[in-house]
Amino acid sequence: MDRYERILALHRTLRNSRYPVTVARLQDELGCSRATVYRDLAFLRDALMAPIVGDGEAGFRYDAAEADRFELPGLWLSSDELHALLAAQQLLSRSGGGMLSNALAPLQQRIEKLLDEHSSGRQWPVDRVRVIPHRSRRMDEQAFRFVCSAVLERKQLSFEYRARSTDEKTRRTVSPQRITHYRGNWYLDAWDHGREALRSFSVDRVGGARVLDAVARDIDEAELDRHLAGSYGIFSGEPKGWATIRFNARAARWVADEHWHSQQQGRALADGGYELRVPYSSPRELLMDVLHYGADAEIVEPASLREQARSLLALALSNYEN
């Protein structure tokens, strides 16, 4: 443990201890000599102005009246915490196809500088963190920035939106509620003032965005979840029913560990299979995910959803008849 991490560990130990901590215990926790413990205590007290009280006989602690108000100056993180932060930064910058790289570049530089201070200039192989984007969509970085700014600043947002299903282009004015990352893509949950309803917008279909001066209308979190997260999929709406899907033993080893919905219900079957129940409103996305498992999955109910799956499979099979 280097001095930086010893000071951080010493601070945490003294702050979390209700009673004086002996020098022997500090030696054991910090993995250093008695003289080093005293030097670190002196640095923490004299240079960083920590409210240390006590002596070598009874032990050391923070003054109870000052402990809650004292914080180490600057950013004090352990090497493990910095490595985790650097890995998270790499994940964010690479998962969006580089969209966030420019915005996050200063953060990466600051993290790497802190790591260098920990390790005497050793270079960290950030290329060891590998992120492979899968079916992510191209996105206008400026539009993404405007959307994020409107969400965080609680301002209304105006933009042109081209629906993927119809290719229809409309102008929307919305009160942004939250931005959601789902299956490699970004979505905006918002109150649409023209439709007077909650809507989700795929950010890659947003163009000509501008943040307005008008304050955004805030919708209660419970109402957002009821309308936008109550059913299966990103464009879910309030649930209209429950779907029961049965997976054979081969697929069960995967599905039993998968998160399909916050309210999902699952149970193991006697033959080694797995039964999953999820609430749904629009069946399109649920059908695609079930059909992804091919012959390893079967929709049991409702009958209408089962019939839709059968029709889709028949259409797919017709592509191979000749």
Protein backbone atom coordinates (compact mmCIF):
# COMPACT_ATOMS: atom_id res chain seq x y z
CA MET A 1 0.00 0.00 0.00
CA ASP A 2 1.53 3.36 -1.04
CA ARG A 3 1.30 6.53 1.04
CA TYR A 4 -1.69 7.90 -0.90
CA GLU A 5 -3.74 4.81 -0.15
CA ARG A 6 -2.50 4.64 3.45
CA ILE A 7 -3.74 8.20 4.08
CA LEU A 8 -7.10 7.33 2.53
CA ALA A 9 -7.37 4.11 4.59
CA LEU A 10 -6.29 5.94 7.75
CA HIS A 11 -8.94 8.63 7.20
CA ARG A 12 -11.68 6.04 6.68
CA THR A 13 -10.66 4.06 9.77
CA LEU A 14 -10.63 7.11 12.05
CA ARG A 15 -13.87 8.46 10.62
CA ASN A 16 -15.75 5.19 11.05
CA SER A 17 -14.46 4.40 14.57
CA ARG A 18 -16.53 5.45 17.56
CA TYR A 19 -13.66 4.78 19.96
CA PRO A 20 -9.91 5.55 19.82
CA VAL A 21 -7.91 3.28 17.50
CA THR A 22 -4.63 1.94 18.82
CA VAL A 23 -1.36 2.33 16.94
CA ALA A 24 -1.01 -1.46 16.84
CA ARG A 25 -4.35 -1.79 15.04
CA LEU A 26 -3.37 0.96 12.59
CA GLN A 27 -0.08 -0.84 11.89
CA ASP A 28 -1.99 -4.02 11.13
CA GLU A 29 -4.62 -2.36 8.90
CA LEU A 30 -2.14 -0.17 7.01
CA GLY A 31 0.59 -2.80 6.76
CA CYS A 32 3.37 -0.46 7.88
CA SER A 33 5.72 0.28 10.77
CA ARG A 34 4.91 2.17 13.96
CA ALA A 35 7.02 5.13 12.79
CA THR A 36 5.11 5.28 9.49
CA VAL A 37 1.80 5.33 11.34
CA TYR A 38 2.94 8.36 13.35
CA ARG A 39 4.22 10.13 10.20
CA ASP A 40 0.90 9.53 8.41
CA LEU A 41 -1.07 10.74 11.44
CA ALA A 42 1.02 13.89 11.55
CA PHE A 43 0.52 14.51 7.82
CA LEU A 44 -3.23 13.96 8.08
CA ARG A 45 -3.49 16.30 11.10
CA ASP A 46 -1.00 19.04 10.16
CA ALA A 47 -1.13 19.18 6.35
CA LEU A 48 -4.73 18.15 5.71
CA MET A 49 -6.17 19.68 8.90
CA ALA A 50 -7.90 16.49 10.05
CA PRO A 51 -9.50 16.78 13.54
CA ILE A 52 -7.34 14.05 15.11
CA VAL A 53 -7.31 13.76 18.90
CA GLY A 54 -5.68 11.25 21.22
CA ASP A 55 -2.20 9.86 21.87
CA GLY A 56 -0.09 6.76 21.49
CA GLU A 57 -1.29 5.27 24.74
CA ALA A 58 -5.09 5.51 24.46
CA GLY A 59 -5.21 5.60 20.67
CA PHE A 60 -6.38 8.10 18.06
CA ARG A 61 -9.77 9.15 16.73
CA TYR A 62 -11.54 12.10 15.09
CA ASP A 63 -13.07 14.78 17.29
CA ALA A 64 -16.80 13.88 17.35
CA ALA A 65 -17.85 17.51 16.87
CA GLU A 66 -15.71 17.92 13.74
CA ALA A 67 -15.70 14.46 12.17
CA ASP A 68 -18.86 14.83 10.09
CA ARG A 69 -17.70 18.16 8.63
CA PHE A 70 -14.20 17.07 7.67
CA GLU A 71 -13.45 15.74 4.19
CA LEU A 72 -10.15 15.07 2.50
CA PRO A 73 -9.39 17.89 0.05
CA GLY A 74 -9.64 17.06 -3.64
CA LEU A 75 -10.52 13.66 -5.07
CA TRP A 76 -9.26 10.79 -2.92
CA LEU A 77 -9.90 7.38 -4.43
CA SER A 78 -8.06 4.09 -4.06
CA SER A 79 -6.37 2.42 -7.03
CA ASP A 80 -9.17 -0.14 -7.22
CA GLU A 81 -11.78 2.63 -7.31
CA LEU A 82 -9.85 4.52 -9.99
CA HIS A 83 -9.48 1.37 -12.09
CA ALA A 84 -13.24 0.75 -11.83
CA LEU A 85 -13.94 4.37 -12.78
CA LEU A 86 -11.57 4.15 -15.74
CA ALA A 87 -13.22 0.92 -16.92
CA ALA A 88 -16.66 2.56 -16.65
CA GLN A 89 -15.42 5.55 -18.65
CA GLN A 90 -14.11 3.23 -21.36
CA LEU A 91 -17.44 1.42 -21.45
CA LEU A 92 -19.38 4.67 -21.87
CA SER A 93 -17.09 6.15 -24.50
CA ARG A 94 -16.90 3.01 -26.63
CA SER A 95 -20.42 1.62 -26.30
CA GLY A 96 -21.90 4.59 -28.16
CA GLY A 97 -19.69 4.19 -31.21
CA GLY A 98 -17.46 7.04 -30.01
CA MET A 99 -20.39 9.45 -29.62
CA LEU A 100 -19.40 10.34 -26.06
CA SER A 101 -15.63 10.21 -26.58
CA ASN A 102 -15.15 13.97 -26.91
CA ALA A 103 -17.23 14.74 -23.84
CA LEU A 104 -15.53 12.06 -21.73
CA ALA A 105 -11.94 12.62 -22.91
CA PRO A 106 -11.15 15.14 -20.12
CA LEU A 107 -12.49 12.68 -17.53
CA GLN A 108 -10.23 9.93 -18.85
CA GLN A 109 -7.22 12.25 -18.74
CA ARG A 110 -7.93 13.20 -15.12
CA ILE A 111 -8.36 9.56 -14.07
CA GLU A 112 -5.14 8.54 -15.83
CA LYS A 113 -3.30 11.42 -14.15
CA LEU A 114 -4.49 10.25 -10.72
CA LEU A 115 -3.42 6.69 -11.54
CA ASP A 116 0.00 7.97 -12.60
CA GLU A 117 0.35 9.71 -9.24
CA HIS A 118 -0.43 6.39 -7.55
CA SER A 119 2.05 4.40 -9.59
CA SER A 120 5.01 6.68 -10.33
CA GLY A 121 4.11 7.26 -13.96
CA ARG A 122 3.27 3.68 -14.94
CA GLN A 123 1.13 3.53 -18.10
CA TRP A 124 -2.18 1.71 -17.71
CA PRO A 125 -3.25 -0.48 -20.68
CA VAL A 126 -6.76 0.91 -21.21
CA ASP A 127 -7.01 -1.12 -24.41
CA ARG A 128 -7.43 -4.15 -22.12
CA VAL A 129 -11.01 -2.95 -21.60
CA ARG A 130 -12.83 -4.22 -24.67
CA VAL A 131 -16.32 -3.10 -25.68
CA ILE A 132 -17.98 -4.45 -28.83
CA PRO A 133 -21.06 -2.43 -29.87
CA HIS A 134 -23.90 -4.61 -31.17
CA ARG A 135 -26.60 -3.22 -33.43
CA SER A 136 -26.13 0.29 -32.02
CA ARG A 137 -27.45 3.13 -34.16
CA ARG A 138 -25.75 6.17 -35.62
CA MET A 139 -26.61 9.27 -33.64
CA ASP A 140 -26.15 13.01 -34.00
CA GLU A 141 -23.84 13.96 -31.12
CA GLN A 142 -25.17 17.52 -31.01
CA ALA A 143 -28.77 16.30 -30.77
CA PHE A 144 -27.76 13.94 -27.95
CA ARG A 145 -26.12 16.83 -26.07
CA PHE A 146 -29.22 19.00 -26.44
CA VAL A 147 -31.44 16.18 -25.19
CA CYS A 148 -29.21 15.54 -22.16
CA SER A 149 -29.00 19.26 -21.37
CA ALA A 150 -32.78 19.64 -21.48
CA VAL A 151 -33.27 16.62 -19.22
CA LEU A 152 -30.77 17.81 -16.61
CA GLU A 153 -31.60 21.53 -16.76
CA ARG A 154 -35.36 20.81 -16.62
CA LYS A 155 -36.08 22.85 -19.76
CA GLN A 156 -38.54 22.17 -22.57
CA LEU A 157 -37.10 20.82 -25.82
CA SER A 158 -38.17 21.36 -29.42
CA PHE A 159 -37.09 18.99 -32.21
CA GLU A 160 -38.06 17.32 -35.47
CA TYR A 161 -38.86 13.65 -35.11
CA ARG A 162 -38.95 11.09 -37.92
CA ALA A 163 -40.86 7.99 -36.85
CA ARG A 164 -39.07 4.82 -37.91
CA SER A 165 -42.27 2.86 -38.54
CA THR A 166 -43.91 5.40 -40.91
CA ASP A 167 -40.99 7.72 -41.78
CA GLU A 168 -43.35 10.61 -40.99
CA LYS A 169 -41.61 13.80 -39.90
CA THR A 170 -43.22 15.98 -37.21
CA ARG A 171 -42.20 18.89 -35.02
CA ARG A 172 -42.46 18.17 -31.30
CA THR A 173 -42.28 20.31 -28.16
CA VAL A 174 -41.76 18.22 -25.07
CA SER A 175 -40.95 18.38 -21.38
CA PRO A 176 -38.07 15.88 -21.02
CA GLN A 177 -38.36 13.54 -18.03
CA ARG A 178 -35.43 11.15 -18.31
CA ILE A 179 -33.03 9.65 -20.81
CA THR A 180 -32.82 5.85 -21.03
CA HIS A 181 -30.11 3.58 -22.43
CA TYR A 182 -31.75 0.41 -23.71
CA ARG A 183 -30.17 -2.34 -25.82
CA GLY A 184 -27.31 -0.18 -27.00
CA ASN A 185 -29.44 2.83 -27.91
CA TRP A 186 -30.72 5.99 -26.23
CA TYR A 187 -34.36 6.97 -25.70
CA LEU A 188 -35.99 10.12 -24.34
CA ASP A 189 -39.01 9.78 -22.05
CA ALA A 190 -40.98 13.02 -22.24
CA TRP A 191 -44.34 14.74 -21.89
CA ASP A 192 -45.44 15.62 -25.45
CA HIS A 193 -47.25 18.97 -25.26
CA GLY A 194 -48.87 18.53 -28.68
CA ARG A 195 -50.29 15.08 -27.88
CA GLU A 196 -50.80 15.87 -24.19
CA ALA A 197 -49.42 12.47 -23.27
CA LEU A 198 -46.23 10.69 -22.24
CA ARG A 199 -44.12 9.42 -25.11
CA SER A 200 -40.73 7.76 -25.67
CA PHE A 201 -38.54 8.99 -28.52
CA SER A 202 -35.57 7.22 -30.06
CA VAL A 203 -32.81 9.84 -29.86
CA ASP A 204 -31.22 8.72 -33.14
CA ARG A 205 -34.44 9.92 -34.88
CA VAL A 206 -34.21 13.40 -33.33
CA GLY A 207 -33.05 16.33 -35.49
CA GLY A 208 -32.97 20.12 -35.31
CA ALA A 209 -33.10 20.04 -31.53
CA ARG A 210 -33.01 23.20 -29.43
CA VAL A 211 -33.44 23.79 -25.72
CA LEU A 212 -36.19 26.31 -24.92
CA ASP A 213 -36.33 28.82 -22.08
CA ALA A 214 -39.64 27.42 -20.83
CA VAL A 215 -39.44 25.27 -17.70
CA ALA A 216 -40.22 21.59 -18.24
CA ARG A 217 -43.32 20.06 -16.72
CA ASP A 218 -42.36 17.44 -14.14
CA ILE A 219 -44.20 14.11 -14.10
CA ASP A 220 -44.20 11.97 -10.96
CA GLU A 221 -41.77 9.05 -11.12
CA ALA A 222 -44.51 6.54 -10.30
CA GLU A 223 -46.63 7.80 -13.20
CA LEU A 224 -43.65 7.58 -15.56
CA ASP A 225 -43.06 3.96 -14.58
CA ARG A 226 -46.76 3.12 -14.87
CA HIS A 227 -47.01 4.49 -18.42
CA LEU A 228 -43.52 3.82 -19.79
CA ALA A 229 -42.13 0.87 -17.85
CA GLY A 230 -45.20 -1.08 -16.82
CA SER A 231 -45.09 -3.46 -19.78
CA TYR A 232 -42.48 -5.32 -21.79
CA GLY A 233 -40.21 -3.31 -24.09
CA ILE A 234 -39.14 0.29 -24.51
CA PHE A 235 -42.40 1.57 -26.07
CA SER A 236 -44.51 -0.33 -23.60
CA GLY A 237 -47.46 1.60 -22.22
CA GLU A 238 -49.69 0.29 -19.47
CA PRO A 239 -49.96 -3.52 -19.48
CA LYS A 240 -52.93 -5.11 -21.22
CA GLY A 241 -52.18 -8.65 -20.15
CA TRP A 242 -49.57 -11.23 -19.19
CA ALA A 243 -47.68 -13.52 -21.53
CA THR A 244 -46.57 -16.99 -20.47
CA ILE A 245 -43.56 -18.43 -22.32
CA ARG A 246 -42.20 -21.90 -21.79
CA PHE A 247 -38.53 -22.67 -22.56
CA ASN A 248 -37.03 -26.14 -22.89
CA ALA A 249 -34.19 -27.37 -20.69
CA ARG A 250 -31.50 -26.19 -23.12
CA ALA A 251 -32.72 -22.58 -23.15
CA ALA A 252 -33.68 -22.61 -19.46
CA ARG A 253 -30.02 -22.39 -18.43
CA TRP A 254 -29.90 -18.91 -20.01
CA VAL A 255 -33.42 -17.60 -19.48
CA ALA A 256 -33.51 -18.37 -15.76
CA ASP A 257 -30.69 -15.84 -15.25
CA GLU A 258 -32.03 -13.18 -17.63
CA HIS A 259 -33.87 -10.00 -16.69
CA TRP A 260 -36.81 -9.48 -19.08
CA HIS A 261 -38.96 -7.17 -16.95
CA SER A 262 -39.00 -5.72 -13.42
CA GLN A 263 -42.26 -7.58 -12.65
CA GLN A 264 -41.41 -10.88 -14.34
CA GLN A 265 -42.36 -14.16 -12.71
CA GLY A 266 -40.50 -17.39 -13.35
CA ARG A 267 -40.45 -20.97 -12.17
CA ALA A 268 -38.47 -24.10 -12.93
CA LEU A 269 -40.40 -26.98 -14.50
CA ALA A 270 -40.17 -30.65 -13.64
CA ASP A 271 -38.70 -31.55 -17.06
CA GLY A 272 -35.81 -29.07 -16.61
CA GLY A 273 -37.51 -26.32 -18.57
CA TYR A 274 -38.42 -22.85 -17.39
CA GLU A 275 -41.70 -20.89 -17.46
CA LEU A 276 -41.56 -17.10 -17.67
CA ARG A 277 -44.46 -14.67 -17.26
CA VAL A 278 -44.18 -10.97 -18.21
CA PRO A 279 -46.71 -8.11 -18.53
CA TYR A 280 -47.03 -6.67 -22.02
CA SER A 281 -48.94 -4.07 -24.00
CA SER A 282 -47.52 -3.93 -27.53
CA PRO A 283 -46.57 -7.48 -28.55
CA ARG A 284 -44.01 -6.64 -31.26
CA GLU A 285 -40.84 -6.51 -29.17
CA LEU A 286 -41.87 -9.44 -26.99
CA LEU A 287 -42.55 -11.58 -30.06
CA MET A 288 -39.14 -10.76 -31.51
CA ASP A 289 -37.39 -11.78 -28.31
CA VAL A 290 -39.32 -15.04 -27.96
CA LEU A 291 -38.76 -15.96 -31.62
CA HIS A 292 -35.06 -15.33 -31.09
CA TYR A 293 -35.04 -18.63 -29.18
CA GLY A 294 -36.58 -20.50 -32.11
CA ALA A 295 -37.67 -24.04 -31.31
CA ASP A 296 -36.45 -23.70 -27.72
CA ALA A 297 -39.38 -21.42 -26.77
CA GLU A 298 -43.17 -21.65 -26.92
CA ILE A 299 -45.79 -19.02 -26.09
CA VAL A 300 -48.42 -20.76 -23.99
CA GLU A 301 -50.82 -17.88 -23.46
CA PRO A 302 -52.67 -15.76 -24.27
CA ALA A 303 -54.07 -17.47 -27.35
CA SER A 304 -53.94 -14.24 -29.40
CA LEU A 305 -50.21 -13.82 -28.79
CA ARG A 306 -49.62 -17.50 -29.54
CA GLU A 307 -51.46 -17.12 -32.86
CA GLN A 308 -49.40 -14.04 -33.77
CA ALA A 309 -46.20 -16.02 -33.15
CA ARG A 310 -47.50 -18.89 -35.29
CA SER A 311 -48.30 -16.47 -38.15
CA LEU A 312 -44.87 -14.87 -38.00
CA LEU A 313 -43.18 -18.27 -38.10
CA ALA A 314 -45.33 -19.30 -41.07
CA LEU A 315 -44.36 -16.12 -42.94
CA ALA A 316 -40.71 -16.70 -42.18
CA LEU A 317 -40.95 -20.28 -43.40
CA SER A 318 -42.59 -19.12 -46.65
CA ASN A 319 -39.37 -17.27 -47.52
CA TYR A 320 -37.63 -20.64 -47.86
CA GLU A 321 -40.30 -22.65 -49.73
CA ASN A 322 -38.72 -22.24 -53.17
